[in-house]
PDB file of all heavy atoms in Angstrom:
ATOM      1  N   ILE A   1      -6.785  -1.584  15.446  1.00  0.00           N
ATOM      2  CA  ILE A   1      -5.726  -0.773  15.977  1.00  0.00           C
ATOM      3  C   ILE A   1      -4.567  -0.658  15.012  1.00  0.00           C
ATOM      4  O   ILE A   1      -4.146   0.447  14.731  1.00  0.00           O
ATOM      5  CB  ILE A   1      -5.223  -1.257  17.310  1.00  0.00           C
ATOM      6  CG1 ILE A   1      -6.336  -0.981  18.358  1.00  0.00           C
ATOM      7  CG2 ILE A   1      -3.940  -0.368  17.750  1.00  0.00           C
ATOM      8  CD1 ILE A   1      -5.947  -1.616  19.644  1.00  0.00           C
ATOM      9  N   ASN A   2      -4.107  -1.743  14.523  1.00  0.00           N
ATOM     10  CA  ASN A   2      -2.987  -1.802  13.599  1.00  0.00           C
ATOM     11  C   ASN A   2      -3.441  -1.108  12.248  1.00  0.00           C
ATOM     12  O   ASN A   2      -2.559  -0.301  11.713  1.00  0.00           O
ATOM     13  CB  ASN A   2      -2.550  -3.190  13.101  1.00  0.00           C
ATOM     14  CG  ASN A   2      -1.995  -3.920  14.262  1.00  0.00           C
ATOM     15  OD1 ASN A   2      -1.419  -3.254  15.198  1.00  0.00           O
ATOM     16  ND2 ASN A   2      -1.968  -5.245  14.256  1.00  0.00           N
ATOM     17  N   GLN A   3      -4.640  -1.284  11.612  1.00  0.00           N
ATOM     18  CA  GLN A   3      -5.125  -0.593  10.555  1.00  0.00           C
ATOM     19  C   GLN A   3      -5.115   0.930  10.714  1.00  0.00           C
ATOM     20  O   GLN A   3      -4.661   1.618   9.874  1.00  0.00           O
ATOM     21  CB  GLN A   3      -6.500  -1.097  10.186  1.00  0.00           C
ATOM     22  CG  GLN A   3      -7.121  -0.567   8.893  1.00  0.00           C
ATOM     23  CD  GLN A   3      -8.437  -1.050   8.670  1.00  0.00           C
ATOM     24  OE1 GLN A   3      -9.290  -1.111   9.503  1.00  0.00           O
ATOM     25  NE2 GLN A   3      -8.667  -1.517   7.480  1.00  0.00           N
ATOM     26  N   ARG A   4      -5.661   1.335  11.953  1.00  0.00           N
ATOM     27  CA  ARG A   4      -5.684   2.771  12.169  1.00  0.00           C
ATOM     28  C   ARG A   4      -4.323   3.449  12.235  1.00  0.00           C
ATOM     29  O   ARG A   4      -4.084   4.541  11.753  1.00  0.00           O
ATOM     30  CB  ARG A   4      -6.442   2.992  13.470  1.00  0.00           C
ATOM     31  CG  ARG A   4      -6.671   4.499  13.975  1.00  0.00           C
ATOM     32  CD  ARG A   4      -7.792   5.035  13.144  1.00  0.00           C
ATOM     33  NE  ARG A   4      -7.226   6.110  12.222  1.00  0.00           N
ATOM     34  CZ  ARG A   4      -7.798   6.698  11.339  1.00  0.00           C
ATOM     35  NH1 ARG A   4      -8.976   6.328  11.042  1.00  0.00           N
ATOM     36  NH2 ARG A   4      -7.233   7.684  10.661  1.00  0.00           N
ATOM     37  N   GLU A   5      -3.390   2.782  12.964  1.00  0.00           N
ATOM     38  CA  GLU A   5      -2.079   3.284  12.985  1.00  0.00           C
ATOM     39  C   GLU A   5      -1.311   3.410  11.587  1.00  0.00           C
ATOM     40  O   GLU A   5      -0.718   4.381  11.306  1.00  0.00           O
ATOM     41  CB  GLU A   5      -1.081   2.374  13.788  1.00  0.00           C
ATOM     42  CG  GLU A   5      -1.440   2.383  15.424  1.00  0.00           C
ATOM     43  CD  GLU A   5      -0.657   1.468  16.207  1.00  0.00           C
ATOM     44  OE1 GLU A   5       0.078   0.601  15.610  1.00  0.00           O
ATOM     45  OE2 GLU A   5      -0.706   1.505  17.404  1.00  0.00           O
ATOM     46  N   SER A   6      -1.594   2.363  10.730  1.00  0.00           N
ATOM     47  CA  SER A   6      -1.030   2.386   9.447  1.00  0.00           C
ATOM     48  C   SER A   6      -1.668   3.636   8.624  1.00  0.00           C
ATOM     49  O   SER A   6      -0.968   4.361   7.927  1.00  0.00           O
ATOM     50  CB  SER A   6      -1.435   1.138   8.688  1.00  0.00           C
ATOM     51  OG  SER A   6      -0.862   1.097   7.391  1.00  0.00           O
ATOM     52  N   LEU A   7      -2.999   3.826   8.681  1.00  0.00           N
ATOM     53  CA  LEU A   7      -3.631   4.823   8.103  1.00  0.00           C
ATOM     54  C   LEU A   7      -3.152   6.172   8.508  1.00  0.00           C
ATOM     55  O   LEU A   7      -2.929   7.195   7.786  1.00  0.00           O
ATOM     56  CB  LEU A   7      -5.216   4.753   8.245  1.00  0.00           C
ATOM     57  CG  LEU A   7      -6.034   5.673   7.446  1.00  0.00           C
ATOM     58  CD1 LEU A   7      -5.784   5.447   6.002  1.00  0.00           C
ATOM     59  CD2 LEU A   7      -7.486   5.431   7.732  1.00  0.00           C
ATOM     60  N   ASP A   8      -2.967   6.266   9.939  1.00  0.00           N
ATOM     61  CA  ASP A   8      -2.408   7.591  10.503  1.00  0.00           C
ATOM     62  C   ASP A   8      -1.136   7.917   9.929  1.00  0.00           C
ATOM     63  O   ASP A   8      -0.786   9.018   9.653  1.00  0.00           O
ATOM     64  CB  ASP A   8      -2.338   7.492  12.033  1.00  0.00           C
ATOM     65  CG  ASP A   8      -3.752   7.593  12.652  1.00  0.00           C
ATOM     66  OD1 ASP A   8      -4.799   7.959  11.974  1.00  0.00           O
ATOM     67  OD2 ASP A   8      -3.944   7.178  13.833  1.00  0.00           O
ATOM     68  N   LYS A   9      -0.260   6.897   9.720  1.00  0.00           N
ATOM     69  CA  LYS A   9       1.055   7.065   9.245  1.00  0.00           C
ATOM     70  C   LYS A   9       1.044   7.588   7.782  1.00  0.00           C
ATOM     71  O   LYS A   9       1.741   8.489   7.333  1.00  0.00           O
ATOM     72  CB  LYS A   9       1.980   5.809   9.256  1.00  0.00           C
ATOM     73  CG  LYS A   9       3.348   5.998   8.795  1.00  0.00           C
ATOM     74  CD  LYS A   9       4.122   4.725   9.006  1.00  0.00           C
ATOM     75  CE  LYS A   9       5.574   5.045   8.406  1.00  0.00           C
ATOM     76  NZ  LYS A   9       6.442   3.855   8.643  1.00  0.00           N
ATOM     77  N   LEU A  10       0.069   6.943   6.910  1.00  0.00           N
ATOM     78  CA  LEU A  10      -0.143   7.409   5.587  1.00  0.00           C
ATOM     79  C   LEU A  10      -0.601   8.951   5.540  1.00  0.00           C
ATOM     80  O   LEU A  10      -0.070   9.765   4.804  1.00  0.00           O
ATOM     81  CB  LEU A  10      -1.048   6.585   4.819  1.00  0.00           C
ATOM     82  CG  LEU A  10      -0.673   5.254   4.509  1.00  0.00           C
ATOM     83  CD1 LEU A  10      -1.846   4.488   3.839  1.00  0.00           C
ATOM     84  CD2 LEU A  10       0.540   5.336   3.374  1.00  0.00           C
ATOM     85  N   ASP A  11      -1.449   9.303   6.455  1.00  0.00           N
ATOM     86  CA  ASP A  11      -2.064  10.642   6.519  1.00  0.00           C
ATOM     87  C   ASP A  11      -0.854  11.549   6.911  1.00  0.00           C
ATOM     88  O   ASP A  11      -0.793  12.672   6.283  1.00  0.00           O
ATOM     89  CB  ASP A  11      -3.108  10.785   7.676  1.00  0.00           C
ATOM     90  CG  ASP A  11      -4.399  10.145   6.961  1.00  0.00           C
ATOM     91  OD1 ASP A  11      -4.540   9.889   5.904  1.00  0.00           O
ATOM     92  OD2 ASP A  11      -5.372   9.894   7.740  1.00  0.00           O
ATOM     93  N   LYS A  12      -0.063  11.138   7.872  1.00  0.00           N
ATOM     94  CA  LYS A  12       1.019  12.078   8.280  1.00  0.00           C
ATOM     95  C   LYS A  12       1.971  12.429   7.161  1.00  0.00           C
ATOM     96  O   LYS A  12       2.435  13.488   7.028  1.00  0.00           O
ATOM     97  CB  LYS A  12       1.736  11.526   9.393  1.00  0.00           C
ATOM     98  CG  LYS A  12       2.854  12.374  10.099  1.00  0.00           C
ATOM     99  CD  LYS A  12       3.567  11.736  11.270  1.00  0.00           C
ATOM    100  CE  LYS A  12       2.611  11.643  12.419  1.00  0.00           C
ATOM    101  NZ  LYS A  12       3.276  11.134  13.600  1.00  0.00           N
ATOM    102  N   GLU A  13       2.276  11.425   6.333  1.00  0.00           N
ATOM    103  CA  GLU A  13       3.211  11.633   5.268  1.00  0.00           C
ATOM    104  C   GLU A  13       2.446  11.975   3.935  1.00  0.00           C
ATOM    105  O   GLU A  13       3.086  12.132   2.889  1.00  0.00           O
ATOM    106  CB  GLU A  13       3.915  10.240   5.026  1.00  0.00           C
ATOM    107  CG  GLU A  13       4.692   9.830   6.268  1.00  0.00           C
ATOM    108  CD  GLU A  13       5.268   8.462   6.048  1.00  0.00           C
ATOM    109  OE1 GLU A  13       5.046   7.758   5.073  1.00  0.00           O
ATOM    110  OE2 GLU A  13       5.991   8.042   7.067  1.00  0.00           O
ATOM    111  N   ASN A  14       1.227  12.300   4.033  1.00  0.00           N
ATOM    112  CA  ASN A  14       0.408  12.756   2.979  1.00  0.00           C
ATOM    113  C   ASN A  14       0.407  11.765   1.783  1.00  0.00           C
ATOM    114  O   ASN A  14      -0.012  12.162   0.558  1.00  0.00           O
ATOM    115  CB  ASN A  14       0.799  14.049   2.494  1.00  0.00           C
ATOM    116  CG  ASN A  14      -0.373  14.869   1.926  1.00  0.00           C
ATOM    117  OD1 ASN A  14      -1.524  14.608   2.163  1.00  0.00           O
ATOM    118  ND2 ASN A  14       0.040  15.799   0.931  1.00  0.00           N
ATOM    119  N   LYS A  15       0.736  10.467   1.943  1.00  0.00           N
ATOM    120  CA  LYS A  15       0.827   9.479   0.951  1.00  0.00           C
ATOM    121  C   LYS A  15      -0.510   9.058   0.326  1.00  0.00           C
ATOM    122  O   LYS A  15      -0.649   8.826  -0.901  1.00  0.00           O
ATOM    123  CB  LYS A  15       1.545   8.201   1.429  1.00  0.00           C
ATOM    124  CG  LYS A  15       2.913   8.370   1.722  1.00  0.00           C
ATOM    125  CD  LYS A  15       3.651   7.172   2.104  1.00  0.00           C
ATOM    126  CE  LYS A  15       5.084   7.378   2.279  1.00  0.00           C
ATOM    127  NZ  LYS A  15       5.752   6.121   2.632  1.00  0.00           N
ATOM    128  N   ARG A  16      -1.615   9.247   1.162  1.00  0.00           N
ATOM    129  CA  ARG A  16      -2.948   8.953   0.631  1.00  0.00           C
ATOM    130  C   ARG A  16      -3.311   9.829  -0.534  1.00  0.00           C
ATOM    131  O   ARG A  16      -3.761   9.374  -1.583  1.00  0.00           O
ATOM    132  CB  ARG A  16      -4.005   8.842   1.617  1.00  0.00           C
ATOM    133  CG  ARG A  16      -3.946   7.772   2.566  1.00  0.00           C
ATOM    134  CD  ARG A  16      -4.871   7.945   3.781  1.00  0.00           C
ATOM    135  NE  ARG A  16      -6.231   7.931   3.343  1.00  0.00           N
ATOM    136  CZ  ARG A  16      -7.158   8.343   4.088  1.00  0.00           C
ATOM    137  NH1 ARG A  16      -7.156   8.771   5.388  1.00  0.00           N
ATOM    138  NH2 ARG A  16      -8.476   8.326   3.696  1.00  0.00           N
ATOM    139  N   GLU A  17      -3.007  11.112  -0.245  1.00  0.00           N
ATOM    140  CA  GLU A  17      -3.430  12.142  -1.215  1.00  0.00           C
ATOM    141  C   GLU A  17      -2.537  12.096  -2.423  1.00  0.00           C
ATOM    142  O   GLU A  17      -3.005  12.290  -3.544  1.00  0.00           O
ATOM    143  CB  GLU A  17      -3.474  13.570  -0.603  1.00  0.00           C
ATOM    144  CG  GLU A  17      -4.466  13.760   0.400  1.00  0.00           C
ATOM    145  CD  GLU A  17      -5.922  13.427  -0.054  1.00  0.00           C
ATOM    146  OE1 GLU A  17      -6.284  13.844  -1.205  1.00  0.00           O
ATOM    147  OE2 GLU A  17      -6.582  12.753   0.716  1.00  0.00           O
ATOM    148  N   ILE A  18      -1.248  11.836  -2.221  1.00  0.00           N
ATOM    149  CA  ILE A  18      -0.271  11.616  -3.382  1.00  0.00           C
ATOM    150  C   ILE A  18      -0.704  10.472  -4.260  1.00  0.00           C
ATOM    151  O   ILE A  18      -0.745  10.639  -5.505  1.00  0.00           O
ATOM    152  CB  ILE A  18       1.105  11.493  -2.721  1.00  0.00           C
ATOM    153  CG1 ILE A  18       1.586  12.720  -2.270  1.00  0.00           C
ATOM    154  CG2 ILE A  18       2.001  11.025  -3.965  1.00  0.00           C
ATOM    155  CD1 ILE A  18       2.846  12.683  -1.369  1.00  0.00           C
ATOM    156  N   LEU A  19      -1.124   9.404  -3.637  1.00  0.00           N
ATOM    157  CA  LEU A  19      -1.489   8.194  -4.503  1.00  0.00           C
ATOM    158  C   LEU A  19      -2.866   8.548  -5.235  1.00  0.00           C
ATOM    159  O   LEU A  19      -2.932   8.137  -6.433  1.00  0.00           O
ATOM    160  CB  LEU A  19      -1.721   7.061  -3.635  1.00  0.00           C
ATOM    161  CG  LEU A  19      -0.552   6.222  -3.263  1.00  0.00           C
ATOM    162  CD1 LEU A  19      -0.789   5.052  -2.334  1.00  0.00           C
ATOM    163  CD2 LEU A  19       0.111   5.663  -4.526  1.00  0.00           C
ATOM    164  N   LYS A  20      -3.817   9.173  -4.600  1.00  0.00           N
ATOM    165  CA  LYS A  20      -5.019   9.569  -5.272  1.00  0.00           C
ATOM    166  C   LYS A  20      -4.626  10.506  -6.487  1.00  0.00           C
ATOM    167  O   LYS A  20      -5.218  10.275  -7.465  1.00  0.00           O
ATOM    168  CB  LYS A  20      -5.886  10.338  -4.303  1.00  0.00           C
ATOM    169  CG  LYS A  20      -6.603   9.395  -3.348  1.00  0.00           C
ATOM    170  CD  LYS A  20      -7.643  10.270  -2.551  1.00  0.00           C
ATOM    171  CE  LYS A  20      -8.000   9.759  -1.221  1.00  0.00           C
ATOM    172  NZ  LYS A  20      -8.939  10.524  -0.457  1.00  0.00           N
ATOM    173  N   ALA A  21      -3.846  11.394  -6.299  1.00  0.00           N
ATOM    174  CA  ALA A  21      -3.441  12.283  -7.354  1.00  0.00           C
ATOM    175  C   ALA A  21      -2.835  11.476  -8.620  1.00  0.00           C
ATOM    176  O   ALA A  21      -3.018  11.770  -9.658  1.00  0.00           O
ATOM    177  CB  ALA A  21      -2.493  13.396  -6.871  1.00  0.00           C
ATOM    178  N   GLN A  22      -2.015  10.573  -8.168  1.00  0.00           N
ATOM    179  CA  GLN A  22      -1.340   9.742  -9.280  1.00  0.00           C
ATOM    180  C   GLN A  22      -2.301   8.992 -10.061  1.00  0.00           C
ATOM    181  O   GLN A  22      -2.317   8.858 -11.182  1.00  0.00           O
ATOM    182  CB  GLN A  22      -0.270   8.845  -8.552  1.00  0.00           C
ATOM    183  CG  GLN A  22       0.994   9.555  -8.131  1.00  0.00           C
ATOM    184  CD  GLN A  22       2.031   8.733  -7.337  1.00  0.00           C
ATOM    185  OE1 GLN A  22       1.568   7.788  -6.723  1.00  0.00           O
ATOM    186  NE2 GLN A  22       3.183   9.039  -7.495  1.00  0.00           N
ATOM    187  N   VAL A  23      -3.312   8.281  -9.359  1.00  0.00           N
ATOM    188  CA  VAL A  23      -4.422   7.573  -9.870  1.00  0.00           C
ATOM    189  C   VAL A  23      -5.113   8.546 -10.902  1.00  0.00           C
ATOM    190  O   VAL A  23      -5.387   8.089 -12.055  1.00  0.00           O
ATOM    191  CB  VAL A  23      -5.338   6.961  -8.887  1.00  0.00           C
ATOM    192  CG1 VAL A  23      -6.585   6.352  -9.474  1.00  0.00           C
ATOM    193  CG2 VAL A  23      -4.629   5.884  -8.085  1.00  0.00           C
ATOM    194  N   LEU A  24      -5.496   9.607 -10.411  1.00  0.00           N
ATOM    195  CA  LEU A  24      -6.284  10.576 -11.305  1.00  0.00           C
ATOM    196  C   LEU A  24      -5.508  11.056 -12.413  1.00  0.00           C
ATOM    197  O   LEU A  24      -6.016  11.141 -13.507  1.00  0.00           O
ATOM    198  CB  LEU A  24      -6.713  11.835 -10.382  1.00  0.00           C
ATOM    199  CG  LEU A  24      -7.751  11.480  -9.304  1.00  0.00           C
ATOM    200  CD1 LEU A  24      -8.059  12.804  -8.426  1.00  0.00           C
ATOM    201  CD2 LEU A  24      -8.972  10.940  -9.893  1.00  0.00           C
TER     202      LEU A  24
END
């Protein structure tokens, strides 16, 4: 549950995609 909430927060702030773009 905690993991899912954390991932949802990242998705809401679009941080996952931003980090992926930075890595690339």
